[in-house]
PDB file of N, CA and C in Angstrom:
ATOM      1  N   UNK A   1     -15.787   2.245  -4.160  1.00  0.00           N
ATOM      2  CA  UNK A   1     -14.461   1.770  -4.525  1.00  0.00           C
ATOM      3  C   UNK A   1     -14.545   0.244  -4.668  1.00  0.00           C
ATOM      4  N   UNK A   2     -14.150  -0.252  -5.836  1.00  0.00           N
ATOM      5  CA  UNK A   2     -14.232  -1.690  -6.053  1.00  0.00           C
ATOM      6  C   UNK A   2     -12.924  -2.386  -5.656  1.00  0.00           C
ATOM      7  N   UNK A   3     -12.915  -3.713  -5.788  1.00  0.00           N
ATOM      8  CA  UNK A   3     -11.765  -4.514  -5.365  1.00  0.00           C
ATOM      9  C   UNK A   3     -10.490  -4.096  -6.091  1.00  0.00           C
ATOM     10  N   UNK A   4     -10.594  -3.850  -7.397  1.00  0.00           N
ATOM     11  CA  UNK A   4      -9.417  -3.445  -8.168  1.00  0.00           C
ATOM     12  C   UNK A   4      -8.905  -2.081  -7.714  1.00  0.00           C
ATOM     13  N   UNK A   5      -9.807  -1.153  -7.411  1.00  0.00           N
ATOM     14  CA  UNK A   5      -9.406   0.164  -6.913  1.00  0.00           C
ATOM     15  C   UNK A   5      -8.635   0.030  -5.604  1.00  0.00           C
ATOM     16  N   UNK A   6      -9.114  -0.842  -4.730  1.00  0.00           N
ATOM     17  CA  UNK A   6      -8.457  -1.062  -3.434  1.00  0.00           C
ATOM     18  C   UNK A   6      -7.079  -1.672  -3.645  1.00  0.00           C
ATOM     19  N   UNK A   7      -6.973  -2.647  -4.538  1.00  0.00           N
ATOM     20  CA  UNK A   7      -5.674  -3.264  -4.830  1.00  0.00           C
ATOM     21  C   UNK A   7      -4.709  -2.246  -5.424  1.00  0.00           C
ATOM     22  N   UNK A   8      -5.195  -1.407  -6.312  1.00  0.00           N
ATOM     23  CA  UNK A   8      -4.353  -0.366  -6.909  1.00  0.00           C
ATOM     24  C   UNK A   8      -3.886   0.635  -5.860  1.00  0.00           C
ATOM     25  N   UNK A   9      -4.776   1.011  -4.957  1.00  0.00           N
ATOM     26  CA  UNK A   9      -4.423   1.951  -3.897  1.00  0.00           C
ATOM     27  C   UNK A   9      -3.359   1.357  -2.977  1.00  0.00           C
ATOM     28  N   UNK A  10      -3.512   0.090  -2.630  1.00  0.00           N
ATOM     29  CA  UNK A  10      -2.517  -0.588  -1.790  1.00  0.00           C
ATOM     30  C   UNK A  10      -1.169  -0.650  -2.500  1.00  0.00           C
ATOM     31  N   UNK A  11      -1.183  -0.975  -3.781  1.00  0.00           N
ATOM     32  CA  UNK A  11       0.055  -1.036  -4.574  1.00  0.00           C
ATOM     33  C   UNK A  11       0.727   0.327  -4.616  1.00  0.00           C
ATOM     34  N   UNK A  12      -0.040   1.369  -4.860  1.00  0.00           N
ATOM     35  CA  UNK A  12       0.513   2.728  -4.900  1.00  0.00           C
ATOM     36  C   UNK A  12       1.068   3.147  -3.551  1.00  0.00           C
ATOM     37  N   UNK A  13       0.402   2.754  -2.472  1.00  0.00           N
ATOM     38  CA  UNK A  13       0.876   3.085  -1.127  1.00  0.00           C
ATOM     39  C   UNK A  13       2.232   2.441  -0.863  1.00  0.00           C
ATOM     40  N   UNK A  14       2.383   1.191  -1.277  1.00  0.00           N
ATOM     41  CA  UNK A  14       3.671   0.505  -1.106  1.00  0.00           C
ATOM     42  C   UNK A  14       4.755   1.216  -1.912  1.00  0.00           C
ATOM     43  N   UNK A  15       4.458   1.575  -3.145  1.00  0.00           N
ATOM     44  CA  UNK A  15       5.446   2.275  -3.978  1.00  0.00           C
ATOM     45  C   UNK A  15       5.829   3.627  -3.373  1.00  0.00           C
ATOM     46  N   UNK A  16       4.854   4.346  -2.857  1.00  0.00           N
ATOM     47  CA  UNK A  16       5.139   5.655  -2.249  1.00  0.00           C
ATOM     48  C   UNK A  16       5.976   5.510  -0.985  1.00  0.00           C
ATOM     49  N   UNK A  17       5.688   4.488  -0.181  1.00  0.00           N
ATOM     50  CA  UNK A  17       6.475   4.259   1.035  1.00  0.00           C
ATOM     51  C   UNK A  17       7.932   3.949   0.669  1.00  0.00           C
ATOM     52  N   UNK A  18       8.108   3.099  -0.319  1.00  0.00           N
ATOM     53  CA  UNK A  18       9.466   2.773  -0.761  1.00  0.00           C
ATOM     54  C   UNK A  18      10.176   3.996  -1.315  1.00  0.00           C
ATOM     55  N   UNK A  19       9.466   4.771  -2.126  1.00  0.00           N
ATOM     56  CA  UNK A  19      10.060   5.976  -2.708  1.00  0.00           C
ATOM     57  C   UNK A  19      10.496   6.951  -1.613  1.00  0.00           C
ATOM     58  N   UNK A  20       9.655   7.116  -0.592  1.00  0.00           N
ATOM     59  CA  UNK A  20       9.971   8.019   0.515  1.00  0.00           C
ATOM     60  C   UNK A  20      11.250   7.571   1.222  1.00  0.00           C
ATOM     61  N   UNK A  21      11.356   6.295   1.503  1.00  0.00           N
ATOM     62  CA  UNK A  21      12.550   5.750   2.163  1.00  0.00           C
ATOM     63  C   UNK A  21      13.763   5.894   1.262  1.00  0.00           C
ATOM     64  N   UNK A  22      13.614   5.539  -0.004  1.00  0.00           N
ATOM     65  CA  UNK A  22      14.728   5.626  -0.942  1.00  0.00           C
ATOM     66  C   UNK A  22      15.202   7.056  -1.111  1.00  0.00           C
ATOM     67  N   UNK A  23      14.275   8.006  -1.179  1.00  0.00           N
ATOM     68  CA  UNK A  23      14.656   9.420  -1.290  1.00  0.00           C
ATOM     69  C   UNK A  23      15.440   9.865  -0.066  1.00  0.00           C
ATOM     70  N   UNK A  24      14.982   9.473   1.112  1.00  0.00           N
ATOM     71  CA  UNK A  24      15.659   9.869   2.348  1.00  0.00           C
ATOM     72  C   UNK A  24      17.061   9.275   2.442  1.00  0.00           C
ATOM     73  N   UNK A  25      17.245   8.089   1.848  1.00  0.00           N
ATOM     74  CA  UNK A  25      18.548   7.425   1.894  1.00  0.00           C
ATOM     75  C   UNK A  25      19.416   7.733   0.680  1.00  0.00           C
ATOM     76  N   UNK A  26      18.881   8.494  -0.264  1.00  0.00           N
ATOM     77  CA  UNK A  26      19.637   8.828  -1.458  1.00  0.00           C
ATOM     78  C   UNK A  26      19.771   7.662  -2.435  1.00  0.00           C
ATOM     79  N   UNK A  27      18.843   6.726  -2.382  1.00  0.00           N
ATOM     80  CA  UNK A  27      18.879   5.567  -3.274  1.00  0.00           C
ATOM     81  C   UNK A  27      18.490   6.013  -4.685  1.00  0.00           C
ATOM     82  N   UNK A  28      19.264   5.597  -5.659  1.00  0.00           N
ATOM     83  CA  UNK A  28      19.050   6.037  -7.035  1.00  0.00           C
ATOM     84  C   UNK A  28      18.083   5.150  -7.815  1.00  0.00           C
ATOM     85  N   UNK A  29      17.996   3.864  -7.484  1.00  0.00           N
ATOM     86  CA  UNK A  29      17.095   2.954  -8.193  1.00  0.00           C
ATOM     87  C   UNK A  29      16.264   2.164  -7.185  1.00  0.00           C
ATOM     88  N   UNK A  30      15.195   1.589  -7.661  1.00  0.00           N
ATOM     89  CA  UNK A  30      14.325   0.805  -6.796  1.00  0.00           C
ATOM     90  C   UNK A  30      14.600  -0.686  -6.847  1.00  0.00           C
ATOM     91  N   UNK A  31      15.794  -1.046  -7.294  1.00  0.00           N
ATOM     92  CA  UNK A  31      16.112  -2.464  -7.472  1.00  0.00           C
ATOM     93  C   UNK A  31      16.009  -3.266  -6.177  1.00  0.00           C
ATOM     94  N   UNK A  32      16.591  -2.767  -5.099  1.00  0.00           N
ATOM     95  CA  UNK A  32      16.563  -3.499  -3.830  1.00  0.00           C
ATOM     96  C   UNK A  32      15.130  -3.574  -3.302  1.00  0.00           C
ATOM     97  N   UNK A  33      14.402  -2.469  -3.394  1.00  0.00           N
ATOM     98  CA  UNK A  33      13.004  -2.477  -2.967  1.00  0.00           C
ATOM     99  C   UNK A  33      12.185  -3.479  -3.763  1.00  0.00           C
ATOM    100  N   UNK A  34      12.435  -3.543  -5.067  1.00  0.00           N
ATOM    101  CA  UNK A  34      11.732  -4.498  -5.916  1.00  0.00           C
ATOM    102  C   UNK A  34      12.022  -5.932  -5.532  1.00  0.00           C
ATOM    103  N   UNK A  35      13.267  -6.199  -5.164  1.00  0.00           N
ATOM    104  CA  UNK A  35      13.630  -7.547  -4.733  1.00  0.00           C
ATOM    105  C   UNK A  35      13.058  -7.862  -3.358  1.00  0.00           C
ATOM    106  N   UNK A  36      13.167  -6.894  -2.453  1.00  0.00           N
ATOM    107  CA  UNK A  36      12.687  -7.116  -1.085  1.00  0.00           C
ATOM    108  C   UNK A  36      11.184  -7.341  -1.051  1.00  0.00           C
ATOM    109  N   UNK A  37      10.454  -6.510  -1.777  1.00  0.00           N
ATOM    110  CA  UNK A  37       8.998  -6.604  -1.775  1.00  0.00           C
ATOM    111  C   UNK A  37       8.507  -7.444  -2.949  1.00  0.00           C
ATOM    112  N   UNK A  38       8.988  -8.657  -3.004  1.00  0.00           N
ATOM    113  CA  UNK A  38       8.480  -9.621  -3.977  1.00  0.00           C
ATOM    114  C   UNK A  38       8.112 -10.886  -3.210  1.00  0.00           C
ATOM    115  N   UNK A  39       7.218 -11.645  -3.770  1.00  0.00           N
ATOM    116  CA  UNK A  39       6.824 -12.887  -3.119  1.00  0.00           C
ATOM    117  C   UNK A  39       6.056 -12.650  -1.832  1.00  0.00           C
ATOM    118  N   UNK A  40       6.443 -13.375  -0.801  1.00  0.00           N
ATOM    119  CA  UNK A  40       5.715 -13.365   0.468  1.00  0.00           C
ATOM    120  C   UNK A  40       5.698 -11.985   1.123  1.00  0.00           C
ATOM    121  N   UNK A  41       6.805 -11.273   1.066  1.00  0.00           N
ATOM    122  CA  UNK A  41       6.856  -9.935   1.680  1.00  0.00           C
ATOM    123  C   UNK A  41       5.830  -9.006   1.032  1.00  0.00           C
ATOM    124  N   UNK A  42       5.764  -9.038  -0.287  1.00  0.00           N
ATOM    125  CA  UNK A  42       4.807  -8.193  -0.998  1.00  0.00           C
ATOM    126  C   UNK A  42       3.373  -8.597  -0.650  1.00  0.00           C
ATOM    127  N   UNK A  43       3.110  -9.888  -0.612  1.00  0.00           N
ATOM    128  CA  UNK A  43       1.765 -10.370  -0.279  1.00  0.00           C
ATOM    129  C   UNK A  43       1.335  -9.905   1.110  1.00  0.00           C
ATOM    130  N   UNK A  44       2.240  -9.991   2.068  1.00  0.00           N
ATOM    131  CA  UNK A  44       1.926  -9.564   3.439  1.00  0.00           C
ATOM    132  C   UNK A  44       1.597  -8.075   3.500  1.00  0.00           C
ATOM    133  N   UNK A  45       2.425  -7.266   2.869  1.00  0.00           N
ATOM    134  CA  UNK A  45       2.202  -5.821   2.877  1.00  0.00           C
ATOM    135  C   UNK A  45       0.892  -5.475   2.185  1.00  0.00           C
ATOM    136  N   UNK A  46       0.633  -6.101   1.059  1.00  0.00           N
ATOM    137  CA  UNK A  46      -0.621  -5.844   0.334  1.00  0.00           C
ATOM    138  C   UNK A  46      -1.821  -6.234   1.174  1.00  0.00           C
ATOM    139  N   UNK A  47      -1.736  -7.346   1.867  1.00  0.00           N
ATOM    140  CA  UNK A  47      -2.839  -7.787   2.729  1.00  0.00           C
ATOM    141  C   UNK A  47      -3.093  -6.774   3.837  1.00  0.00           C
ATOM    142  N   UNK A  48      -2.043  -6.306   4.463  1.00  0.00           N
ATOM    143  CA  UNK A  48      -2.167  -5.327   5.542  1.00  0.00           C
ATOM    144  C   UNK A  48      -2.757  -4.016   5.016  1.00  0.00           C
ATOM    145  N   UNK A  49      -2.218  -3.519   3.909  1.00  0.00           N
ATOM    146  CA  UNK A  49      -2.717  -2.259   3.351  1.00  0.00           C
ATOM    147  C   UNK A  49      -4.159  -2.393   2.873  1.00  0.00           C
ATOM    148  N   UNK A  50      -4.496  -3.527   2.283  1.00  0.00           N
ATOM    149  CA  UNK A  50      -5.869  -3.757   1.826  1.00  0.00           C
ATOM    150  C   UNK A  50      -6.834  -3.762   3.005  1.00  0.00           C
ATOM    151  N   UNK A  51      -6.462  -4.437   4.090  1.00  0.00           N
ATOM    152  CA  UNK A  51      -7.333  -4.441   5.269  1.00  0.00           C
ATOM    153  C   UNK A  51      -7.471  -3.047   5.856  1.00  0.00           C
ATOM    154  N   UNK A  52      -6.389  -2.290   5.854  1.00  0.00           N
ATOM    155  CA  UNK A  52      -6.457  -0.918   6.352  1.00  0.00           C
ATOM    156  C   UNK A  52      -7.402  -0.072   5.497  1.00  0.00           C
ATOM    157  N   UNK A  53      -7.271  -0.168   4.186  1.00  0.00           N
ATOM    158  CA  UNK A  53      -8.143   0.585   3.281  1.00  0.00           C
ATOM    159  C   UNK A  53      -9.598   0.195   3.502  1.00  0.00           C
ATOM    160  N   UNK A  54      -9.856  -1.094   3.608  1.00  0.00           N
ATOM    161  CA  UNK A  54     -11.224  -1.561   3.835  1.00  0.00           C
ATOM    162  C   UNK A  54     -11.778  -1.038   5.165  1.00  0.00           C
ATOM    163  N   UNK A  55     -10.940  -0.981   6.183  1.00  0.00           N
ATOM    164  CA  UNK A  55     -11.361  -0.456   7.482  1.00  0.00           C
ATOM    165  C   UNK A  55     -11.692   1.025   7.381  1.00  0.00           C
ATOM    166  N   UNK A  56     -10.835   1.786   6.693  1.00  0.00           N
ATOM    167  CA  UNK A  56     -11.118   3.216   6.501  1.00  0.00           C
ATOM    168  C   UNK A  56     -12.440   3.407   5.762  1.00  0.00           C
ATOM    169  N   UNK A  57     -12.661   2.601   4.732  1.00  0.00           N
ATOM    170  CA  UNK A  57     -13.909   2.704   3.980  1.00  0.00           C
ATOM    171  C   UNK A  57     -15.114   2.350   4.845  1.00  0.00           C
ATOM    172  N   UNK A  58     -14.966   1.356   5.701  1.00  0.00           N
ATOM    173  CA  UNK A  58     -16.046   0.953   6.587  1.00  0.00           C
ATOM    174  C   UNK A  58     -16.407   2.096   7.546  1.00  0.00           C
ATOM    175  N   UNK A  59     -15.383   2.706   8.150  1.00  0.00           N
ATOM    176  CA  UNK A  59     -15.641   3.817   9.073  1.00  0.00           C
ATOM    177  C   UNK A  59     -16.195   5.030   8.337  1.00  0.00           C
ATOM    178  N   UNK A  60     -15.696   5.263   7.150  1.00  0.00           N
ATOM    179  CA  UNK A  60     -16.198   6.369   6.343  1.00  0.00           C
ATOM    180  C   UNK A  60     -17.675   6.169   6.032  1.00  0.00           C
ATOM    181  N   UNK A  61     -18.029   4.961   5.715  1.00  0.00           N
ATOM    182  CA  UNK A  61     -19.424   4.620   5.402  1.00  0.00           C
ATOM    183  C   UNK A  61     -20.313   4.795   6.635  1.00  0.00           C
ATOM    184  N   UNK A  62     -19.822   4.381   7.785  1.00  0.00           N
ATOM    185  CA  UNK A  62     -20.634   4.496   9.005  1.00  0.00           C
ATOM    186  C   UNK A  62     -20.801   5.958   9.435  1.00  0.00           C
ATOM    187  N   UNK A  63     -19.785   6.790   9.177  1.00  0.00           N
ATOM    188  CA  UNK A  63     -19.880   8.215   9.507  1.00  0.00           C
ATOM    189  C   UNK A  63     -20.907   8.925   8.634  1.00  0.00           C
ATOM    190  N   UNK A  64     -21.031   8.502   7.388  1.00  0.00           N
ATOM    191  CA  UNK A  64     -21.998   9.120   6.477  1.00  0.00           C
ATOM    192  C   UNK A  64     -23.420   8.806   6.895  1.00  0.00           C
ATOM    193  N   UNK A  65     -23.620   7.683   7.570  1.00  0.00           N
ATOM    194  CA  UNK A  65     -24.951   7.284   8.005  1.00  0.00           C
ATOM    195  C   UNK A  65     -25.431   8.108   9.198  1.00  0.00           C
ATOM    196  N   UNK A  66     -24.488   8.694   9.921  1.00  0.00           N
ATOM    197  CA  UNK A  66     -24.866   9.456  11.126  1.00  0.00           C
ATOM    198  C   UNK A  66     -25.418  10.806  10.790  1.00  0.00           C
TER     199      UNK A  66
END
């Protein structure tokens, strides 16, 4: 998985999390989510998700070596 794949996965994870919350709340559009997750908030979430993905990949790689 390359850097772009990881970034895409993190982006999709954020969209899915927002969609799940919006569905549960009956939200019809993603306008508020789009505003909330822009700028610094979006950067923070992407950084966290990217580190999580990288950690999963690291553990996955180490398990294959065993």
